């Protein structure tokens, strides 16, 4: 899409999204970030922020043809993306506590219990 729209910011965002997603999932030493709840939260939040910022950068510089300006809507979108990412990072593992426990993946739901995380 970044190439199709001739947008370097969109291309860079998609590459960053791919790299962060790969480090989250791949089974190699020092990677497989799924096993650490803090790295999971970092991955989710960074992916949401990459999507939000790339869309704003692309919209301002390539669609509207003006220079990138850090606007209030941009800051608000980043703030909401961060809040959504934190909630998603905490809640996404609640249904899979048994599977995570069986594979030794420490999630907030396993460390603190389903009920406490869902409150």
N, C-alpha and C. Protein backbone atom coordinates (compact mmCIF):
# COMPACT_ATOMS: atom_id res chain seq x y z
N UNK A 1 0.82 -1.19 0.00
CA UNK A 1 0.00 0.00 0.00
C UNK A 1 0.86 1.25 0.00
N UNK A 2 1.98 1.20 0.77
CA UNK A 2 2.86 2.36 0.80
C UNK A 2 3.44 2.66 -0.56
N UNK A 3 3.75 1.62 -1.32
CA UNK A 3 4.28 1.80 -2.67
C UNK A 3 3.17 2.23 -3.61
N UNK A 4 2.00 1.60 -3.48
CA UNK A 4 0.86 1.92 -4.35
C UNK A 4 0.45 3.38 -4.21
N UNK A 5 0.43 3.89 -2.97
CA UNK A 5 0.03 5.28 -2.73
C UNK A 5 1.20 6.25 -2.80
N UNK A 6 2.39 5.73 -3.11
CA UNK A 6 3.59 6.56 -3.18
C UNK A 6 3.79 7.35 -1.89
N UNK A 7 3.66 6.66 -0.76
CA UNK A 7 3.74 7.28 0.55
C UNK A 7 4.86 6.63 1.36
N UNK A 8 6.01 7.30 1.50
CA UNK A 8 7.09 6.73 2.31
C UNK A 8 6.68 6.51 3.76
N UNK A 9 5.87 7.40 4.34
CA UNK A 9 5.46 7.22 5.73
C UNK A 9 4.61 5.96 5.89
N UNK A 10 3.72 5.71 4.96
CA UNK A 10 2.89 4.51 5.04
C UNK A 10 3.74 3.26 4.85
N UNK A 11 4.68 3.29 3.92
CA UNK A 11 5.56 2.15 3.70
C UNK A 11 6.40 1.88 4.95
N UNK A 12 7.00 2.92 5.53
CA UNK A 12 7.80 2.76 6.74
C UNK A 12 6.96 2.23 7.90
N UNK A 13 5.74 2.73 8.02
CA UNK A 13 4.85 2.26 9.09
C UNK A 13 4.50 0.79 8.93
N UNK A 14 4.25 0.37 7.70
CA UNK A 14 3.93 -1.04 7.45
C UNK A 14 5.13 -1.94 7.72
N UNK A 15 6.32 -1.49 7.36
CA UNK A 15 7.53 -2.26 7.65
C UNK A 15 7.74 -2.36 9.16
N UNK A 16 7.57 -1.24 9.87
CA UNK A 16 7.71 -1.26 11.33
C UNK A 16 6.67 -2.18 11.96
N UNK A 17 5.46 -2.13 11.47
CA UNK A 17 4.38 -2.98 11.97
C UNK A 17 4.75 -4.46 11.77
N UNK A 18 5.27 -4.79 10.60
CA UNK A 18 5.69 -6.16 10.31
C UNK A 18 6.81 -6.60 11.24
N UNK A 19 7.82 -5.75 11.44
CA UNK A 19 8.95 -6.12 12.29
C UNK A 19 8.54 -6.31 13.74
N UNK A 20 7.72 -5.41 14.27
CA UNK A 20 7.27 -5.55 15.65
C UNK A 20 6.39 -6.78 15.80
N UNK A 21 5.50 -7.02 14.85
CA UNK A 21 4.64 -8.20 14.89
C UNK A 21 5.44 -9.49 14.80
N UNK A 22 6.51 -9.48 14.03
CA UNK A 22 7.35 -10.67 13.91
C UNK A 22 8.08 -10.95 15.21
N UNK A 23 8.63 -9.92 15.83
CA UNK A 23 9.33 -10.14 17.10
C UNK A 23 8.38 -10.64 18.18
N UNK A 24 7.14 -10.29 18.06
CA UNK A 24 6.14 -10.75 19.03
C UNK A 24 5.87 -12.25 18.88
N UNK A 25 5.90 -12.75 17.66
CA UNK A 25 5.42 -14.11 17.39
C UNK A 25 6.49 -15.15 17.12
N UNK A 26 7.64 -14.76 16.59
CA UNK A 26 8.61 -15.74 16.12
C UNK A 26 9.28 -16.46 17.30
N UNK A 27 9.59 -17.72 17.11
CA UNK A 27 10.17 -18.56 18.15
C UNK A 27 11.69 -18.60 17.98
N UNK A 28 12.37 -17.53 18.40
CA UNK A 28 13.82 -17.44 18.37
C UNK A 28 14.31 -16.90 19.71
N UNK A 29 15.57 -17.16 20.07
CA UNK A 29 16.09 -16.60 21.33
C UNK A 29 15.96 -15.09 21.36
N UNK A 30 15.61 -14.56 22.50
CA UNK A 30 15.40 -13.13 22.76
C UNK A 30 14.19 -12.55 22.05
N UNK A 31 13.49 -13.36 21.30
CA UNK A 31 12.26 -12.88 20.67
C UNK A 31 11.11 -13.60 21.37
N UNK A 32 10.07 -13.95 20.68
CA UNK A 32 8.88 -14.59 21.28
C UNK A 32 8.41 -13.77 22.49
N UNK A 33 8.13 -12.50 22.21
CA UNK A 33 7.77 -11.57 23.26
C UNK A 33 6.43 -11.89 23.91
N UNK A 34 5.69 -12.84 23.36
CA UNK A 34 4.40 -13.24 23.91
C UNK A 34 4.50 -13.71 25.35
N UNK A 35 5.66 -14.19 25.74
CA UNK A 35 5.82 -14.78 27.06
C UNK A 35 5.98 -13.75 28.17
N UNK A 36 6.16 -12.49 27.83
CA UNK A 36 6.35 -11.45 28.83
C UNK A 36 5.21 -10.44 28.73
N UNK A 37 4.41 -10.29 29.78
CA UNK A 37 3.23 -9.41 29.69
C UNK A 37 3.59 -7.95 29.43
N UNK A 38 4.73 -7.49 29.88
CA UNK A 38 5.11 -6.10 29.65
C UNK A 38 5.51 -5.88 28.19
N UNK A 39 6.18 -6.87 27.60
CA UNK A 39 6.51 -6.76 26.18
C UNK A 39 5.27 -6.88 25.31
N UNK A 40 4.31 -7.69 25.74
CA UNK A 40 3.04 -7.79 25.01
C UNK A 40 2.35 -6.43 25.00
N UNK A 41 2.29 -5.79 26.15
CA UNK A 41 1.67 -4.47 26.23
C UNK A 41 2.41 -3.48 25.33
N UNK A 42 3.75 -3.54 25.34
CA UNK A 42 4.55 -2.67 24.49
C UNK A 42 4.24 -2.90 23.01
N UNK A 43 4.14 -4.16 22.62
CA UNK A 43 3.88 -4.49 21.21
C UNK A 43 2.51 -3.97 20.79
N UNK A 44 1.50 -4.24 21.59
CA UNK A 44 0.14 -3.82 21.24
C UNK A 44 0.05 -2.30 21.15
N UNK A 45 0.59 -1.61 22.15
CA UNK A 45 0.52 -0.15 22.15
C UNK A 45 1.33 0.42 20.99
N UNK A 46 2.53 -0.11 20.77
CA UNK A 46 3.34 0.43 19.68
C UNK A 46 2.69 0.19 18.32
N UNK A 47 2.05 -0.96 18.14
CA UNK A 47 1.38 -1.22 16.88
C UNK A 47 0.21 -0.27 16.67
N UNK A 48 -0.55 -0.03 17.71
CA UNK A 48 -1.66 0.93 17.58
C UNK A 48 -1.14 2.33 17.31
N UNK A 49 -0.05 2.71 17.97
CA UNK A 49 0.51 4.04 17.76
C UNK A 49 1.11 4.16 16.36
N UNK A 50 1.72 3.08 15.86
CA UNK A 50 2.25 3.12 14.49
C UNK A 50 1.11 3.34 13.50
N UNK A 51 0.02 2.60 13.70
CA UNK A 51 -1.12 2.75 12.80
C UNK A 51 -1.68 4.18 12.87
N UNK A 52 -1.86 4.68 14.09
CA UNK A 52 -2.43 6.01 14.25
C UNK A 52 -1.52 7.08 13.67
N UNK A 53 -0.23 7.00 13.99
CA UNK A 53 0.66 8.05 13.48
C UNK A 53 0.86 7.98 11.98
N UNK A 54 0.96 6.78 11.45
CA UNK A 54 1.13 6.66 10.00
C UNK A 54 -0.08 7.22 9.27
N UNK A 55 -1.27 6.94 9.79
CA UNK A 55 -2.46 7.45 9.13
C UNK A 55 -2.50 8.98 9.16
N UNK A 56 -2.10 9.58 10.29
CA UNK A 56 -2.09 11.04 10.35
C UNK A 56 -1.01 11.63 9.47
N UNK A 57 0.19 11.02 9.50
CA UNK A 57 1.27 11.54 8.67
C UNK A 57 0.90 11.43 7.19
N UNK A 58 0.37 10.27 6.82
CA UNK A 58 -0.03 10.08 5.43
C UNK A 58 -1.12 11.07 5.04
N UNK A 59 -2.10 11.23 5.93
CA UNK A 59 -3.21 12.14 5.62
C UNK A 59 -2.75 13.58 5.47
N UNK A 60 -1.89 14.03 6.37
CA UNK A 60 -1.46 15.43 6.32
C UNK A 60 -0.50 15.71 5.18
N UNK A 61 0.48 14.84 4.99
CA UNK A 61 1.52 15.17 4.03
C UNK A 61 1.19 14.75 2.60
N UNK A 62 0.50 13.63 2.44
CA UNK A 62 0.29 13.12 1.08
C UNK A 62 -1.12 13.38 0.55
N UNK A 63 -2.11 13.31 1.42
CA UNK A 63 -3.48 13.54 0.95
C UNK A 63 -3.80 15.03 0.92
N UNK A 64 -3.50 15.72 2.03
CA UNK A 64 -3.80 17.15 2.09
C UNK A 64 -2.67 18.01 1.52
N UNK A 65 -1.48 17.43 1.36
CA UNK A 65 -0.37 18.16 0.77
C UNK A 65 0.20 19.26 1.64
N UNK A 66 0.15 19.10 2.94
CA UNK A 66 0.72 20.12 3.82
C UNK A 66 1.76 19.47 4.74
N UNK A 67 2.60 20.26 5.36
CA UNK A 67 3.62 19.68 6.24
C UNK A 67 2.99 19.08 7.50
N UNK A 68 3.70 18.11 8.06
CA UNK A 68 3.22 17.45 9.27
C UNK A 68 3.25 18.42 10.44
N UNK A 69 2.12 18.54 11.10
CA UNK A 69 1.99 19.39 12.27
C UNK A 69 1.39 18.54 13.38
N UNK A 70 1.95 18.65 14.57
CA UNK A 70 1.44 17.90 15.72
C UNK A 70 0.20 18.63 16.24
N UNK A 71 -0.97 18.17 15.78
CA UNK A 71 -2.23 18.85 16.10
C UNK A 71 -2.90 18.22 17.32
N UNK A 72 -3.90 18.88 17.82
CA UNK A 72 -4.67 18.33 18.94
C UNK A 72 -5.37 17.01 18.57
N UNK A 73 -5.99 16.91 17.39
CA UNK A 73 -6.58 15.62 17.03
C UNK A 73 -5.55 14.49 16.96
N UNK A 74 -4.35 14.81 16.50
CA UNK A 74 -3.28 13.81 16.45
C UNK A 74 -2.92 13.37 17.87
N UNK A 75 -2.72 14.32 18.77
CA UNK A 75 -2.40 13.99 20.16
C UNK A 75 -3.53 13.20 20.81
N UNK A 76 -4.76 13.59 20.53
CA UNK A 76 -5.91 12.89 21.10
C UNK A 76 -5.99 11.46 20.59
N UNK A 77 -5.73 11.26 19.30
CA UNK A 77 -5.74 9.92 18.73
C UNK A 77 -4.65 9.05 19.35
N UNK A 78 -3.46 9.60 19.53
CA UNK A 78 -2.39 8.84 20.17
C UNK A 78 -2.74 8.49 21.60
N UNK A 79 -3.35 9.43 22.32
CA UNK A 79 -3.77 9.18 23.70
C UNK A 79 -4.81 8.06 23.76
N UNK A 80 -5.83 8.14 22.91
CA UNK A 80 -6.86 7.09 22.90
C UNK A 80 -6.29 5.75 22.46
N UNK A 81 -5.38 5.75 21.51
CA UNK A 81 -4.75 4.51 21.08
C UNK A 81 -3.96 3.88 22.22
N UNK A 82 -3.30 4.70 23.00
CA UNK A 82 -2.54 4.18 24.14
C UNK A 82 -3.48 3.57 25.18
N UNK A 83 -4.56 4.25 25.50
CA UNK A 83 -5.53 3.70 26.46
C UNK A 83 -6.14 2.39 25.94
N UNK A 84 -6.52 2.38 24.69
CA UNK A 84 -7.08 1.17 24.10
C UNK A 84 -6.06 0.04 24.10
N UNK A 85 -4.82 0.35 23.81
CA UNK A 85 -3.76 -0.66 23.81
C UNK A 85 -3.53 -1.26 25.18
N UNK A 86 -3.56 -0.42 26.21
CA UNK A 86 -3.39 -0.93 27.58
C UNK A 86 -4.55 -1.85 27.94
N UNK A 87 -5.77 -1.43 27.64
CA UNK A 87 -6.94 -2.28 27.94
C UNK A 87 -6.87 -3.58 27.15
N UNK A 88 -6.51 -3.51 25.90
CA UNK A 88 -6.41 -4.71 25.07
C UNK A 88 -5.32 -5.65 25.59
N UNK A 89 -4.18 -5.10 25.98
CA UNK A 89 -3.08 -5.92 26.50
C UNK A 89 -3.49 -6.65 27.77
N UNK A 90 -4.28 -6.01 28.60
CA UNK A 90 -4.72 -6.65 29.85
C UNK A 90 -5.82 -7.68 29.61
N UNK A 91 -6.73 -7.40 28.69
CA UNK A 91 -7.92 -8.23 28.55
C UNK A 91 -7.79 -9.37 27.54
N UNK A 92 -6.84 -9.31 26.63
CA UNK A 92 -6.81 -10.27 25.53
C UNK A 92 -6.53 -11.70 25.96
N UNK A 93 -5.88 -11.89 27.09
CA UNK A 93 -5.50 -13.24 27.52
C UNK A 93 -6.48 -13.87 28.51
N UNK A 94 -7.50 -13.17 28.89
CA UNK A 94 -8.46 -13.72 29.86
C UNK A 94 -9.09 -15.02 29.36
N UNK A 95 -9.53 -15.12 28.10
CA UNK A 95 -10.15 -16.38 27.66
C UNK A 95 -9.18 -17.55 27.54
N UNK A 96 -7.89 -17.29 27.46
CA UNK A 96 -6.92 -18.35 27.18
C UNK A 96 -5.98 -18.64 28.35
N UNK A 97 -6.46 -18.51 29.56
CA UNK A 97 -5.61 -18.73 30.73
C UNK A 97 -5.11 -20.17 30.78
N UNK A 98 -5.96 -21.14 30.48
CA UNK A 98 -5.53 -22.54 30.55
C UNK A 98 -4.43 -22.85 29.54
N UNK A 99 -4.57 -22.37 28.33
CA UNK A 99 -3.55 -22.61 27.30
C UNK A 99 -2.24 -21.90 27.63
N UNK A 100 -2.32 -20.66 28.11
CA UNK A 100 -1.10 -19.94 28.48
C UNK A 100 -0.39 -20.63 29.64
N UNK A 101 -1.15 -21.08 30.61
CA UNK A 101 -0.56 -21.78 31.75
C UNK A 101 0.12 -23.08 31.29
N UNK A 102 -0.52 -23.81 30.39
CA UNK A 102 0.04 -25.08 29.89
C UNK A 102 1.35 -24.86 29.14
N UNK A 103 1.49 -23.73 28.43
CA UNK A 103 2.70 -23.46 27.66
C UNK A 103 3.69 -22.57 28.40
N UNK A 104 3.41 -22.27 29.67
CA UNK A 104 4.35 -21.48 30.46
C UNK A 104 4.44 -20.02 30.10
N UNK A 105 3.38 -19.47 29.53
CA UNK A 105 3.37 -18.06 29.16
C UNK A 105 2.76 -17.27 30.32
N UNK A 106 3.55 -16.37 30.88
CA UNK A 106 3.10 -15.57 32.02
C UNK A 106 2.34 -14.35 31.51
N UNK A 107 1.05 -14.33 31.75
CA UNK A 107 0.23 -13.19 31.38
C UNK A 107 -0.29 -12.54 32.65
N UNK A 108 -0.85 -11.34 32.53
CA UNK A 108 -1.44 -10.68 33.68
C UNK A 108 -2.57 -11.52 34.26
N UNK A 109 -3.31 -12.20 33.39
CA UNK A 109 -4.43 -13.02 33.84
C UNK A 109 -3.96 -14.20 34.68
N UNK A 110 -2.82 -14.76 34.36
CA UNK A 110 -2.28 -15.87 35.14
C UNK A 110 -1.67 -15.35 36.44
N UNK A 111 -0.94 -14.24 36.37
CA UNK A 111 -0.27 -13.70 37.56
C UNK A 111 -1.26 -13.15 38.58
N UNK A 112 -2.34 -12.54 38.12
CA UNK A 112 -3.25 -11.86 39.04
C UNK A 112 -4.65 -12.45 39.10
N UNK A 113 -4.95 -13.39 38.21
CA UNK A 113 -6.26 -13.99 38.19
C UNK A 113 -7.22 -13.28 37.22
N UNK A 114 -8.12 -14.07 36.64
CA UNK A 114 -9.07 -13.53 35.66
C UNK A 114 -9.93 -12.41 36.25
N UNK A 115 -10.44 -12.68 37.43
CA UNK A 115 -11.38 -11.73 38.04
C UNK A 115 -10.73 -10.37 38.30
N UNK A 116 -9.52 -10.37 38.84
CA UNK A 116 -8.86 -9.11 39.16
C UNK A 116 -8.50 -8.33 37.89
N UNK A 117 -8.08 -9.02 36.85
CA UNK A 117 -7.71 -8.34 35.61
C UNK A 117 -8.94 -7.78 34.92
N UNK A 118 -10.05 -8.46 35.00
CA UNK A 118 -11.25 -8.01 34.29
C UNK A 118 -11.99 -6.87 34.99
N UNK A 119 -11.60 -6.54 36.20
CA UNK A 119 -12.27 -5.42 36.91
C UNK A 119 -11.76 -4.10 36.48
